[in-house]
Amino acid sequence: MFAVLKTGGKQYRVKSGDMLRVEKLAAEAGETVQFNDILMLGGDSPVVGAPMIDGACVQAEVIDQIKGEKVIHFVKRRRKHGSQRTKGHRQQLTLLRVTDILGEGADKSGVKSAIGAGSVSGAAITSGDKPAAKKAPAKKAAASKAAKAAGGDDLKRLSGVGPALEKKLHAANVTSFAQIAAWTEADVADMDEKLSFKGRIEREGWIDQAKELTKG
């Protein structure tokens, strides 16, 4: 019986006992990993996936983390005064020995799923588990802060505060004149460091302005 599996953007035809080199996986030598993207199972009754076969898997033992043969990359640019560059590269690979091919029951095997080293940083994922939710992108986090700040005061009314400086104040969780009016000397020193404008708060008189704006 053989199987055609997919990993690292490539397809491999394997059978039990085969030695296989694939793009680096997040696994240590001696661990057993499981490939769940199976395109075809061959044998007496071949099965072709659409595109994958549900429940099928290939299990393999990690032998070692290795590097592939050195590849020379040579670039020569015409009409650039003979500019040329030679660069070598060795692809990081994982050496495996195929131990078993299962036609069903992949989600109940309890074996760690084979995940590319660049896809995971942290806990291992076992078959049947769902990957942890991705963290919100930095832009979404910034948008969330801006949304919170939207209900505050227009800090641009303070002398010397423009849109860029207002964003820095929002990032420091300063959204109202009342907050600024209540600043102590320690708060002013702390904000000078955060805003990278040492002495500006006192020069512009933000605290006095904030007190007047709070009254108004």
N, C-alpha and C. Protein backbone atom coordinates (compact mmCIF):
# COMPACT_ATOMS: atom_id res chain seq x y z
N MET A 1 0.85 -1.19 0.00
CA MET A 1 0.00 0.00 0.00
C MET A 1 0.89 1.24 0.00
N PHE A 2 0.52 2.25 -0.80
CA PHE A 2 1.27 3.49 -0.82
C PHE A 2 0.30 4.66 -0.67
N ALA A 3 0.86 5.82 -0.40
CA ALA A 3 0.05 7.02 -0.25
C ALA A 3 0.77 8.18 -0.92
N VAL A 4 -0.01 9.16 -1.36
CA VAL A 4 0.55 10.40 -1.89
C VAL A 4 0.16 11.50 -0.91
N LEU A 5 1.16 12.08 -0.26
CA LEU A 5 0.90 13.11 0.75
C LEU A 5 1.41 14.45 0.26
N LYS A 6 0.91 15.49 0.92
CA LYS A 6 1.31 16.85 0.56
C LYS A 6 1.87 17.55 1.79
N THR A 7 3.06 18.15 1.66
CA THR A 7 3.66 18.93 2.74
C THR A 7 4.66 19.90 2.15
N GLY A 8 4.75 21.09 2.72
CA GLY A 8 5.70 22.08 2.23
C GLY A 8 5.49 22.48 0.79
N GLY A 9 4.23 22.38 0.30
CA GLY A 9 3.94 22.74 -1.08
C GLY A 9 4.35 21.70 -2.10
N LYS A 10 4.79 20.52 -1.63
CA LYS A 10 5.21 19.45 -2.54
C LYS A 10 4.42 18.17 -2.26
N GLN A 11 4.43 17.25 -3.23
CA GLN A 11 3.74 15.97 -3.08
C GLN A 11 4.77 14.84 -3.09
N TYR A 12 4.52 13.84 -2.25
CA TYR A 12 5.44 12.71 -2.13
C TYR A 12 4.67 11.40 -2.17
N ARG A 13 5.19 10.43 -2.95
CA ARG A 13 4.62 9.09 -2.98
C ARG A 13 5.43 8.23 -2.02
N VAL A 14 4.78 7.69 -1.00
CA VAL A 14 5.51 6.97 0.04
C VAL A 14 4.83 5.64 0.38
N LYS A 15 5.61 4.75 0.95
CA LYS A 15 5.07 3.51 1.50
C LYS A 15 5.78 3.24 2.82
N SER A 16 5.27 2.35 3.62
CA SER A 16 5.84 2.07 4.94
C SER A 16 7.30 1.66 4.82
N GLY A 17 8.16 2.28 5.64
CA GLY A 17 9.59 1.98 5.62
C GLY A 17 10.42 2.94 4.79
N ASP A 18 9.78 3.78 3.97
CA ASP A 18 10.52 4.72 3.13
C ASP A 18 11.20 5.79 3.98
N MET A 19 12.39 6.23 3.52
CA MET A 19 13.07 7.39 4.10
C MET A 19 12.69 8.59 3.24
N LEU A 20 12.37 9.71 3.90
CA LEU A 20 11.83 10.85 3.20
C LEU A 20 12.45 12.14 3.72
N ARG A 21 12.79 13.04 2.81
CA ARG A 21 13.29 14.36 3.20
C ARG A 21 12.25 15.40 2.80
N VAL A 22 11.78 16.16 3.78
CA VAL A 22 10.77 17.19 3.50
C VAL A 22 11.25 18.52 4.07
N GLU A 23 10.57 19.60 3.70
CA GLU A 23 10.92 20.90 4.25
C GLU A 23 10.75 20.86 5.77
N LYS A 24 11.62 21.59 6.47
CA LYS A 24 11.76 21.48 7.92
C LYS A 24 10.42 21.52 8.66
N LEU A 25 10.24 20.55 9.58
CA LEU A 25 9.05 20.47 10.41
C LEU A 25 9.38 20.89 11.84
N ALA A 26 8.35 21.33 12.56
CA ALA A 26 8.52 21.70 13.97
C ALA A 26 8.44 20.44 14.81
N ALA A 27 9.53 19.69 14.86
CA ALA A 27 9.57 18.43 15.60
C ALA A 27 11.01 18.08 15.93
N GLU A 28 11.19 17.30 17.00
CA GLU A 28 12.52 16.88 17.42
C GLU A 28 12.79 15.44 16.96
N ALA A 29 14.07 15.10 16.87
CA ALA A 29 14.46 13.74 16.49
C ALA A 29 13.87 12.75 17.48
N GLY A 30 13.30 11.66 16.96
CA GLY A 30 12.69 10.64 17.81
C GLY A 30 11.18 10.79 17.93
N GLU A 31 10.64 11.96 17.60
CA GLU A 31 9.20 12.16 17.67
C GLU A 31 8.50 11.50 16.49
N THR A 32 7.22 11.18 16.69
CA THR A 32 6.38 10.67 15.61
C THR A 32 5.42 11.77 15.19
N VAL A 33 5.34 12.03 13.90
CA VAL A 33 4.45 13.05 13.38
C VAL A 33 3.47 12.42 12.39
N GLN A 34 2.41 13.16 12.13
CA GLN A 34 1.35 12.62 11.26
C GLN A 34 1.00 13.63 10.18
N PHE A 35 1.00 13.16 8.93
CA PHE A 35 0.60 13.97 7.78
C PHE A 35 -0.87 13.69 7.48
N ASN A 36 -1.69 14.74 7.52
CA ASN A 36 -3.13 14.55 7.31
C ASN A 36 -3.61 14.95 5.92
N ASP A 37 -2.74 15.59 5.13
CA ASP A 37 -3.13 15.97 3.76
C ASP A 37 -2.75 14.84 2.81
N ILE A 38 -3.66 13.89 2.65
CA ILE A 38 -3.42 12.71 1.81
C ILE A 38 -4.25 12.84 0.53
N LEU A 39 -3.55 12.84 -0.61
CA LEU A 39 -4.22 13.02 -1.90
C LEU A 39 -4.70 11.70 -2.50
N MET A 40 -3.97 10.61 -2.17
CA MET A 40 -4.32 9.32 -2.78
C MET A 40 -3.81 8.17 -1.93
N LEU A 41 -4.57 7.12 -1.89
CA LEU A 41 -4.15 5.86 -1.29
C LEU A 41 -4.13 4.82 -2.40
N GLY A 42 -3.00 4.12 -2.56
CA GLY A 42 -2.90 3.11 -3.61
C GLY A 42 -2.85 1.71 -3.03
N GLY A 43 -3.10 0.73 -3.87
CA GLY A 43 -3.09 -0.67 -3.43
C GLY A 43 -4.13 -1.46 -4.21
N ASP A 44 -4.74 -2.45 -3.55
CA ASP A 44 -5.76 -3.26 -4.23
C ASP A 44 -7.00 -2.46 -4.56
N SER A 45 -7.35 -1.50 -3.68
CA SER A 45 -8.52 -0.64 -3.92
C SER A 45 -8.10 0.82 -3.80
N PRO A 46 -7.57 1.39 -4.87
CA PRO A 46 -7.08 2.77 -4.82
C PRO A 46 -8.20 3.76 -4.48
N VAL A 47 -7.82 4.79 -3.72
CA VAL A 47 -8.77 5.85 -3.35
C VAL A 47 -8.13 7.19 -3.70
N VAL A 48 -8.88 8.02 -4.42
CA VAL A 48 -8.39 9.35 -4.80
C VAL A 48 -9.20 10.39 -4.06
N GLY A 49 -8.53 11.34 -3.42
CA GLY A 49 -9.21 12.38 -2.65
C GLY A 49 -9.82 13.45 -3.53
N ALA A 50 -10.65 14.29 -2.90
CA ALA A 50 -11.30 15.36 -3.65
C ALA A 50 -11.26 16.68 -2.86
N PRO A 51 -10.15 17.35 -2.67
CA PRO A 51 -8.82 16.89 -3.11
C PRO A 51 -8.12 15.98 -2.08
N MET A 52 -8.56 16.02 -0.79
CA MET A 52 -7.93 15.20 0.23
C MET A 52 -8.87 14.05 0.64
N ILE A 53 -8.29 13.03 1.25
CA ILE A 53 -9.08 11.89 1.72
C ILE A 53 -9.36 12.08 3.20
N ASP A 54 -10.62 12.21 3.56
CA ASP A 54 -11.00 12.41 4.96
C ASP A 54 -10.60 11.21 5.82
N GLY A 55 -9.94 11.47 6.94
CA GLY A 55 -9.60 10.41 7.89
C GLY A 55 -8.32 9.67 7.59
N ALA A 56 -7.74 9.88 6.39
CA ALA A 56 -6.51 9.17 6.04
C ALA A 56 -5.29 9.95 6.55
N CYS A 57 -4.21 9.24 6.81
CA CYS A 57 -2.99 9.91 7.28
C CYS A 57 -1.78 9.03 7.02
N VAL A 58 -0.62 9.65 7.11
CA VAL A 58 0.66 8.95 7.05
C VAL A 58 1.43 9.34 8.29
N GLN A 59 1.90 8.33 9.04
CA GLN A 59 2.68 8.59 10.25
C GLN A 59 4.15 8.28 9.97
N ALA A 60 5.02 9.12 10.54
CA ALA A 60 6.46 8.94 10.30
C ALA A 60 7.25 9.33 11.53
N GLU A 61 8.42 8.72 11.68
CA GLU A 61 9.32 9.03 12.79
C GLU A 61 10.38 10.02 12.30
N VAL A 62 10.61 11.07 13.10
CA VAL A 62 11.64 12.07 12.76
C VAL A 62 13.01 11.48 13.10
N ILE A 63 13.86 11.37 12.08
CA ILE A 63 15.20 10.84 12.27
C ILE A 63 16.18 11.95 12.66
N ASP A 64 16.12 13.08 11.93
CA ASP A 64 17.06 14.17 12.20
C ASP A 64 16.64 15.42 11.45
N GLN A 65 17.15 16.57 11.91
CA GLN A 65 17.01 17.83 11.20
C GLN A 65 18.29 18.05 10.42
N ILE A 66 18.21 18.18 9.10
CA ILE A 66 19.40 18.24 8.26
C ILE A 66 19.33 19.43 7.31
N LYS A 67 20.38 19.58 6.50
CA LYS A 67 20.40 20.60 5.45
C LYS A 67 20.60 19.92 4.11
N GLY A 68 19.97 20.49 3.08
CA GLY A 68 20.11 19.93 1.74
C GLY A 68 21.44 20.32 1.11
N GLU A 69 21.65 19.87 -0.13
CA GLU A 69 22.87 20.20 -0.84
C GLU A 69 22.95 21.69 -1.10
N LYS A 70 24.16 22.20 -1.16
CA LYS A 70 24.36 23.63 -1.38
C LYS A 70 23.97 24.00 -2.81
N VAL A 71 23.17 25.04 -2.92
CA VAL A 71 22.73 25.53 -4.23
C VAL A 71 23.40 26.88 -4.47
N ILE A 72 24.06 27.02 -5.61
CA ILE A 72 24.73 28.26 -5.96
C ILE A 72 23.80 29.12 -6.81
N HIS A 73 23.61 30.35 -6.35
CA HIS A 73 22.75 31.30 -7.07
C HIS A 73 23.65 32.40 -7.63
N PHE A 74 23.74 32.47 -8.95
CA PHE A 74 24.63 33.43 -9.59
C PHE A 74 23.80 34.43 -10.38
N VAL A 75 24.06 35.72 -10.14
CA VAL A 75 23.34 36.78 -10.85
C VAL A 75 24.34 37.70 -11.54
N LYS A 76 24.15 37.92 -12.81
CA LYS A 76 24.98 38.86 -13.55
C LYS A 76 24.05 39.84 -14.27
N ARG A 77 24.30 41.11 -14.04
CA ARG A 77 23.44 42.15 -14.62
C ARG A 77 24.13 42.76 -15.84
N ARG A 78 23.46 42.75 -16.95
CA ARG A 78 24.00 43.35 -18.16
C ARG A 78 23.94 44.88 -18.05
N ARG A 79 24.93 45.51 -18.67
CA ARG A 79 24.99 46.97 -18.74
C ARG A 79 25.02 47.62 -17.35
N LYS A 80 25.57 46.91 -16.37
CA LYS A 80 25.70 47.46 -15.02
C LYS A 80 27.18 47.40 -14.59
N HIS A 81 28.06 47.73 -15.51
CA HIS A 81 29.49 47.76 -15.23
C HIS A 81 30.00 46.42 -14.68
N GLY A 82 29.50 45.33 -15.25
CA GLY A 82 29.98 44.00 -14.86
C GLY A 82 29.52 43.57 -13.48
N SER A 83 28.41 44.12 -12.99
CA SER A 83 27.92 43.74 -11.67
C SER A 83 27.52 42.28 -11.65
N GLN A 84 28.02 41.54 -10.66
CA GLN A 84 27.66 40.14 -10.52
C GLN A 84 27.74 39.72 -9.07
N ARG A 85 27.00 38.66 -8.73
CA ARG A 85 26.94 38.21 -7.34
C ARG A 85 26.76 36.70 -7.30
N THR A 86 27.50 36.06 -6.41
CA THR A 86 27.36 34.62 -6.20
C THR A 86 26.90 34.39 -4.77
N LYS A 87 25.86 33.60 -4.61
CA LYS A 87 25.30 33.39 -3.28
C LYS A 87 24.96 31.91 -3.11
N GLY A 88 25.38 31.32 -1.97
CA GLY A 88 25.09 29.92 -1.70
C GLY A 88 23.94 29.77 -0.71
N HIS A 89 23.21 28.67 -0.82
CA HIS A 89 22.09 28.43 0.08
C HIS A 89 21.93 26.93 0.32
N ARG A 90 21.66 26.55 1.59
CA ARG A 90 21.36 25.16 1.92
C ARG A 90 20.01 25.12 2.62
N GLN A 91 19.05 24.46 2.00
CA GLN A 91 17.69 24.39 2.52
C GLN A 91 17.64 23.51 3.77
N GLN A 92 16.93 23.99 4.80
CA GLN A 92 16.75 23.20 6.01
C GLN A 92 15.67 22.15 5.76
N LEU A 93 15.97 20.90 6.12
CA LEU A 93 15.09 19.77 5.84
C LEU A 93 14.91 18.91 7.09
N THR A 94 13.88 18.08 7.05
CA THR A 94 13.66 17.08 8.11
C THR A 94 13.70 15.69 7.48
N LEU A 95 14.54 14.82 8.06
CA LEU A 95 14.66 13.44 7.57
C LEU A 95 13.69 12.56 8.35
N LEU A 96 12.84 11.82 7.62
CA LEU A 96 11.79 10.99 8.23
C LEU A 96 11.87 9.55 7.77
N ARG A 97 11.31 8.65 8.59
CA ARG A 97 11.08 7.27 8.17
C ARG A 97 9.58 7.00 8.31
N VAL A 98 8.94 6.65 7.21
CA VAL A 98 7.50 6.38 7.22
C VAL A 98 7.24 5.10 8.00
N THR A 99 6.35 5.18 8.99
CA THR A 99 6.08 4.01 9.84
C THR A 99 4.72 3.38 9.57
N ASP A 100 3.74 4.18 9.17
CA ASP A 100 2.39 3.61 9.00
C ASP A 100 1.56 4.47 8.06
N ILE A 101 0.65 3.82 7.35
CA ILE A 101 -0.31 4.50 6.48
C ILE A 101 -1.70 4.06 6.91
N LEU A 102 -2.53 5.01 7.30
CA LEU A 102 -3.89 4.71 7.77
C LEU A 102 -4.92 5.25 6.80
N GLY A 103 -5.90 4.43 6.49
CA GLY A 103 -6.96 4.87 5.59
C GLY A 103 -8.07 5.61 6.31
N GLU A 104 -8.12 5.49 7.63
CA GLU A 104 -9.15 6.18 8.41
C GLU A 104 -8.68 6.30 9.87
N GLY A 105 -9.40 7.13 10.64
CA GLY A 105 -9.09 7.28 12.06
C GLY A 105 -7.97 8.24 12.38
N ALA A 106 -7.62 9.13 11.43
CA ALA A 106 -6.53 10.07 11.68
C ALA A 106 -6.82 11.00 12.84
N ASP A 107 -8.10 11.40 12.99
CA ASP A 107 -8.45 12.36 14.04
C ASP A 107 -8.44 11.74 15.44
N LYS A 108 -8.37 10.40 15.53
CA LYS A 108 -8.39 9.73 16.83
C LYS A 108 -7.04 9.11 17.20
N SER A 109 -6.04 9.33 16.36
CA SER A 109 -4.75 8.67 16.60
C SER A 109 -3.97 9.30 17.75
N GLY A 110 -4.19 10.59 18.01
CA GLY A 110 -3.48 11.28 19.08
C GLY A 110 -2.03 11.60 18.75
N VAL A 111 -1.62 11.43 17.50
CA VAL A 111 -0.24 11.71 17.09
C VAL A 111 -0.13 13.17 16.65
N LYS A 112 0.97 13.79 16.99
CA LYS A 112 1.22 15.19 16.65
C LYS A 112 1.19 15.40 15.14
N SER A 113 0.46 16.43 14.70
CA SER A 113 0.39 16.74 13.27
C SER A 113 1.71 17.33 12.80
N ALA A 114 2.08 17.02 11.57
CA ALA A 114 3.32 17.53 10.98
C ALA A 114 3.08 18.96 10.52
N ILE A 115 3.75 19.91 11.20
CA ILE A 115 3.58 21.32 10.90
C ILE A 115 4.92 21.91 10.53
N GLY A 116 4.94 22.75 9.49
CA GLY A 116 6.17 23.39 9.07
C GLY A 116 6.77 24.24 10.17
N ALA A 117 8.11 24.28 10.25
CA ALA A 117 8.78 25.02 11.32
C ALA A 117 8.44 26.49 11.28
N GLY A 118 8.14 27.04 10.10
CA GLY A 118 7.81 28.45 10.00
C GLY A 118 6.36 28.76 10.32
N SER A 119 5.53 27.73 10.53
CA SER A 119 4.10 27.94 10.77
C SER A 119 3.72 27.95 12.23
N VAL A 120 4.58 27.38 13.08
CA VAL A 120 4.22 27.25 14.49
C VAL A 120 5.36 27.71 15.36
N SER A 121 5.08 28.46 16.40
CA SER A 121 6.06 28.81 17.43
C SER A 121 5.37 28.63 18.76
N GLY A 122 5.59 27.51 19.40
CA GLY A 122 4.91 27.26 20.66
C GLY A 122 4.47 25.84 20.78
N ALA A 123 3.26 25.62 21.32
CA ALA A 123 2.79 24.29 21.63
C ALA A 123 2.55 23.46 20.39
N ALA A 124 2.75 22.15 20.51
CA ALA A 124 2.50 21.23 19.41
C ALA A 124 1.02 21.05 19.22
N ILE A 125 0.62 20.72 17.99
CA ILE A 125 -0.78 20.49 17.66
C ILE A 125 -0.95 19.01 17.39
N THR A 126 -1.84 18.36 18.10
CA THR A 126 -2.09 16.94 17.88
C THR A 126 -3.26 16.79 16.92
N SER A 127 -3.37 15.63 16.30
CA SER A 127 -4.44 15.40 15.34
C SER A 127 -5.78 15.56 16.03
N GLY A 128 -6.70 16.24 15.34
CA GLY A 128 -8.02 16.48 15.88
C GLY A 128 -8.12 17.80 16.60
N ASP A 129 -6.96 18.40 16.99
CA ASP A 129 -6.98 19.70 17.66
C ASP A 129 -7.11 20.80 16.62
N LYS A 130 -7.68 21.90 17.05
CA LYS A 130 -7.77 23.06 16.18
C LYS A 130 -6.67 24.03 16.57
N PRO A 131 -5.99 24.64 15.58
CA PRO A 131 -4.94 25.60 15.90
C PRO A 131 -5.50 26.76 16.72
N ALA A 132 -4.65 27.32 17.58
CA ALA A 132 -5.09 28.45 18.39
C ALA A 132 -5.44 29.62 17.50
N ALA A 133 -6.40 30.43 17.95
CA ALA A 133 -6.83 31.58 17.17
C ALA A 133 -5.67 32.54 16.98
N LYS A 134 -5.58 33.11 15.79
CA LYS A 134 -4.50 34.04 15.51
C LYS A 134 -4.73 35.34 16.26
N LYS A 135 -3.61 35.95 16.67
CA LYS A 135 -3.71 37.23 17.34
C LYS A 135 -4.15 38.29 16.33
N ALA A 136 -4.89 39.27 16.82
CA ALA A 136 -5.35 40.35 15.95
C ALA A 136 -4.14 41.11 15.43
N PRO A 137 -4.13 41.47 14.14
CA PRO A 137 -3.01 42.23 13.58
C PRO A 137 -2.84 43.55 14.31
N ALA A 138 -1.62 44.09 14.21
CA ALA A 138 -1.32 45.34 14.92
C ALA A 138 -2.24 46.47 14.46
N LYS A 139 -2.60 46.46 13.16
CA LYS A 139 -3.46 47.53 12.67
C LYS A 139 -4.83 47.48 13.33
N LYS A 140 -5.34 46.25 13.55
CA LYS A 140 -6.64 46.11 14.20
C LYS A 140 -6.56 46.58 15.64
N ALA A 141 -5.44 46.27 16.30
CA ALA A 141 -5.27 46.70 17.69
C ALA A 141 -5.24 48.22 17.77
N ALA A 142 -4.54 48.84 16.79
CA ALA A 142 -4.48 50.30 16.78
C ALA A 142 -5.86 50.89 16.52
N ALA A 143 -6.61 50.24 15.63
CA ALA A 143 -7.96 50.72 15.33
C ALA A 143 -8.84 50.62 16.56
N SER A 144 -8.63 49.53 17.34
CA SER A 144 -9.41 49.36 18.57
C SER A 144 -9.12 50.48 19.55
N LYS A 145 -7.83 50.86 19.69
CA LYS A 145 -7.46 51.95 20.59
C LYS A 145 -8.07 53.25 20.12
N ALA A 146 -8.02 53.45 18.79
CA ALA A 146 -8.57 54.69 18.25
C ALA A 146 -10.07 54.76 18.50
N ALA A 147 -10.74 53.59 18.42
CA ALA A 147 -12.18 53.56 18.66
C ALA A 147 -12.49 53.92 20.10
N LYS A 148 -11.66 53.43 21.04
CA LYS A 148 -11.86 53.77 22.44
C LYS A 148 -11.65 55.27 22.67
N ALA A 149 -10.65 55.80 21.94
CA ALA A 149 -10.33 57.20 22.13
C ALA A 149 -11.36 58.12 21.50
N ALA A 150 -12.16 57.57 20.57
CA ALA A 150 -13.12 58.39 19.86
C ALA A 150 -14.12 59.05 20.79
N GLY A 151 -14.39 58.45 21.93
CA GLY A 151 -15.34 59.02 22.87
C GLY A 151 -14.73 60.06 23.79
N GLY A 152 -13.41 60.34 23.67
CA GLY A 152 -12.73 61.30 24.54
C GLY A 152 -12.78 62.70 23.96
N ASP A 153 -11.92 63.57 24.53
CA ASP A 153 -11.86 64.97 24.09
C ASP A 153 -10.98 65.12 22.86
N ASP A 154 -11.15 66.27 22.20
CA ASP A 154 -10.31 66.59 21.04
C ASP A 154 -9.00 67.18 21.56
N LEU A 155 -7.99 66.33 21.74
CA LEU A 155 -6.73 66.77 22.34
C LEU A 155 -5.97 67.73 21.44
N LYS A 156 -6.36 67.87 20.18
CA LYS A 156 -5.69 68.80 19.27
C LYS A 156 -5.96 70.25 19.64
N ARG A 157 -6.88 70.47 20.57
CA ARG A 157 -7.16 71.82 21.04
C ARG A 157 -6.04 72.34 21.95
N LEU A 158 -5.21 71.44 22.42
CA LEU A 158 -4.06 71.85 23.23
C LEU A 158 -2.98 72.44 22.34
N SER A 159 -2.27 73.42 22.81
CA SER A 159 -1.23 74.07 22.04
C SER A 159 -0.12 73.09 21.68
N GLY A 160 0.21 73.05 20.40
CA GLY A 160 1.30 72.19 19.94
C GLY A 160 0.93 70.75 19.69
N VAL A 161 -0.36 70.39 19.84
CA VAL A 161 -0.79 69.00 19.62
C VAL A 161 -1.45 68.88 18.25
N GLY A 162 -0.84 68.09 17.40
CA GLY A 162 -1.41 67.80 16.10
C GLY A 162 -1.89 66.36 16.04
N PRO A 163 -2.31 65.90 14.85
CA PRO A 163 -2.82 64.52 14.72
C PRO A 163 -1.82 63.45 15.17
N ALA A 164 -0.53 63.65 14.82
CA ALA A 164 0.48 62.64 15.17
C ALA A 164 0.67 62.57 16.69
N LEU A 165 0.75 63.74 17.34
CA LEU A 165 0.95 63.75 18.78
C LEU A 165 -0.30 63.27 19.51
N GLU A 166 -1.46 63.54 18.93
CA GLU A 166 -2.70 63.06 19.53
C GLU A 166 -2.74 61.53 19.52
N LYS A 167 -2.24 60.92 18.43
CA LYS A 167 -2.20 59.45 18.36
C LYS A 167 -1.29 58.89 19.45
N LYS A 168 -0.15 59.57 19.70
CA LYS A 168 0.75 59.10 20.75
C LYS A 168 0.09 59.18 22.12
N LEU A 169 -0.68 60.24 22.33
CA LEU A 169 -1.39 60.38 23.61
C LEU A 169 -2.43 59.28 23.76
N HIS A 170 -3.16 59.00 22.69
CA HIS A 170 -4.15 57.91 22.73
C HIS A 170 -3.47 56.57 23.01
N ALA A 171 -2.28 56.37 22.38
CA ALA A 171 -1.56 55.11 22.60
C ALA A 171 -1.13 54.98 24.06
N ALA A 172 -0.95 56.13 24.75
CA ALA A 172 -0.60 56.12 26.16
C ALA A 172 -1.83 56.15 27.06
N ASN A 173 -3.03 55.91 26.43
CA ASN A 173 -4.31 55.88 27.15
C ASN A 173 -4.70 57.23 27.75
N VAL A 174 -4.26 58.31 27.10
CA VAL A 174 -4.67 59.66 27.50
C VAL A 174 -5.69 60.14 26.48
N THR A 175 -6.94 60.30 26.91
CA THR A 175 -8.01 60.64 25.98
C THR A 175 -8.85 61.84 26.38
N SER A 176 -8.59 62.42 27.55
CA SER A 176 -9.43 63.52 28.02
C SER A 176 -8.60 64.63 28.65
N PHE A 177 -9.19 65.83 28.67
CA PHE A 177 -8.53 66.97 29.31
C PHE A 177 -8.45 66.76 30.82
N ALA A 178 -9.44 66.08 31.40
CA ALA A 178 -9.45 65.85 32.84
C ALA A 178 -8.23 65.05 33.27
N GLN A 179 -7.82 64.08 32.45
CA GLN A 179 -6.64 63.29 32.78
C GLN A 179 -5.39 64.17 32.82
N ILE A 180 -5.26 65.03 31.81
CA ILE A 180 -4.08 65.90 31.72
C ILE A 180 -4.08 66.91 32.86
N ALA A 181 -5.26 67.45 33.19
CA ALA A 181 -5.37 68.44 34.26
C ALA A 181 -4.94 67.86 35.61
N ALA A 182 -5.06 66.54 35.77
CA ALA A 182 -4.73 65.90 37.04
C ALA A 182 -3.30 65.38 37.10
N TRP A 183 -2.48 65.62 36.06
CA TRP A 183 -1.12 65.11 36.04
C TRP A 183 -0.28 65.70 37.17
N THR A 184 0.56 64.86 37.77
CA THR A 184 1.53 65.29 38.77
C THR A 184 2.89 65.46 38.08
N GLU A 185 3.90 65.90 38.84
CA GLU A 185 5.23 66.05 38.26
C GLU A 185 5.76 64.71 37.75
N ALA A 186 5.46 63.65 38.49
CA ALA A 186 5.90 62.32 38.06
C ALA A 186 5.21 61.92 36.75
N ASP A 187 3.91 62.26 36.63
CA ASP A 187 3.18 61.95 35.40
C ASP A 187 3.77 62.70 34.22
N VAL A 188 4.12 63.97 34.45
CA VAL A 188 4.69 64.80 33.38
C VAL A 188 6.03 64.22 32.91
N ALA A 189 6.86 63.80 33.87
CA ALA A 189 8.16 63.22 33.52
C ALA A 189 7.97 61.93 32.72
N ASP A 190 6.98 61.13 33.14
CA ASP A 190 6.70 59.87 32.44
C ASP A 190 6.22 60.13 31.02
N MET A 191 5.33 61.11 30.85
CA MET A 191 4.80 61.41 29.52
C MET A 191 5.86 62.03 28.62
N ASP A 192 6.79 62.81 29.22
CA ASP A 192 7.90 63.35 28.42
C ASP A 192 8.68 62.24 27.75
N GLU A 193 8.91 61.14 28.50
CA GLU A 193 9.65 60.00 27.95
C GLU A 193 8.84 59.31 26.86
N LYS A 194 7.55 59.11 27.11
CA LYS A 194 6.71 58.40 26.14
C LYS A 194 6.53 59.18 24.85
N LEU A 195 6.43 60.51 24.95
CA LEU A 195 6.17 61.33 23.78
C LEU A 195 7.45 61.78 23.08
N SER A 196 8.59 61.58 23.73
CA SER A 196 9.89 61.99 23.17
C SER A 196 9.95 63.48 22.91
N PHE A 197 9.26 64.28 23.72
CA PHE A 197 9.29 65.73 23.62
C PHE A 197 9.54 66.30 25.01
N LYS A 198 10.75 66.12 25.50
CA LYS A 198 11.07 66.51 26.88
C LYS A 198 10.87 68.00 27.10
N GLY A 199 10.11 68.36 28.14
CA GLY A 199 9.87 69.74 28.50
C GLY A 199 8.73 70.41 27.75
N ARG A 200 8.18 69.74 26.75
CA ARG A 200 7.15 70.37 25.93
C ARG A 200 5.86 70.61 26.71
N ILE A 201 5.53 69.66 27.57
CA ILE A 201 4.28 69.77 28.32
C ILE A 201 4.28 71.04 29.16
N GLU A 202 5.41 71.35 29.81
CA GLU A 202 5.50 72.55 30.63
C GLU A 202 5.58 73.80 29.77
N ARG A 203 6.37 73.74 28.68
CA ARG A 203 6.51 74.92 27.81
C ARG A 203 5.17 75.35 27.23
N GLU A 204 4.39 74.37 26.77
CA GLU A 204 3.11 74.68 26.14
C GLU A 204 2.01 74.93 27.16
N GLY A 205 2.26 74.54 28.41
CA GLY A 205 1.24 74.76 29.44
C GLY A 205 0.02 73.88 29.28
N TRP A 206 0.23 72.62 28.97
CA TRP A 206 -0.90 71.71 28.72
C TRP A 206 -1.80 71.56 29.94
N ILE A 207 -1.20 71.48 31.12
CA ILE A 207 -2.01 71.22 32.32
C ILE A 207 -2.97 72.38 32.57
N ASP A 208 -2.43 73.64 32.47
CA ASP A 208 -3.30 74.80 32.67
C ASP A 208 -4.37 74.88 31.58
N GLN A 209 -3.96 74.59 30.33
CA GLN A 209 -4.95 74.62 29.24
C GLN A 209 -6.03 73.58 29.47
N ALA A 210 -5.60 72.39 29.92
CA ALA A 210 -6.56 71.30 30.15
C ALA A 210 -7.55 71.66 31.24
N LYS A 211 -7.07 72.36 32.30
CA LYS A 211 -7.97 72.77 33.37
C LYS A 211 -9.02 73.76 32.86
N GLU A 212 -8.57 74.70 32.01
CA GLU A 212 -9.51 75.68 31.46
C GLU A 212 -10.52 75.00 30.52
N LEU A 213 -10.04 74.08 29.69
CA LEU A 213 -10.92 73.38 28.76
C LEU A 213 -11.89 72.48 29.50
N THR A 214 -11.46 71.90 30.63
CA THR A 214 -12.36 71.07 31.43
C THR A 214 -13.49 71.91 32.02
N LYS A 215 -13.17 73.15 32.44
CA LYS A 215 -14.21 74.04 32.97
C LYS A 215 -15.18 74.43 31.87
N GLY A 216 -14.61 74.67 30.66
CA GLY A 216 -15.47 75.10 29.55
C GLY A 216 -16.31 73.98 29.03
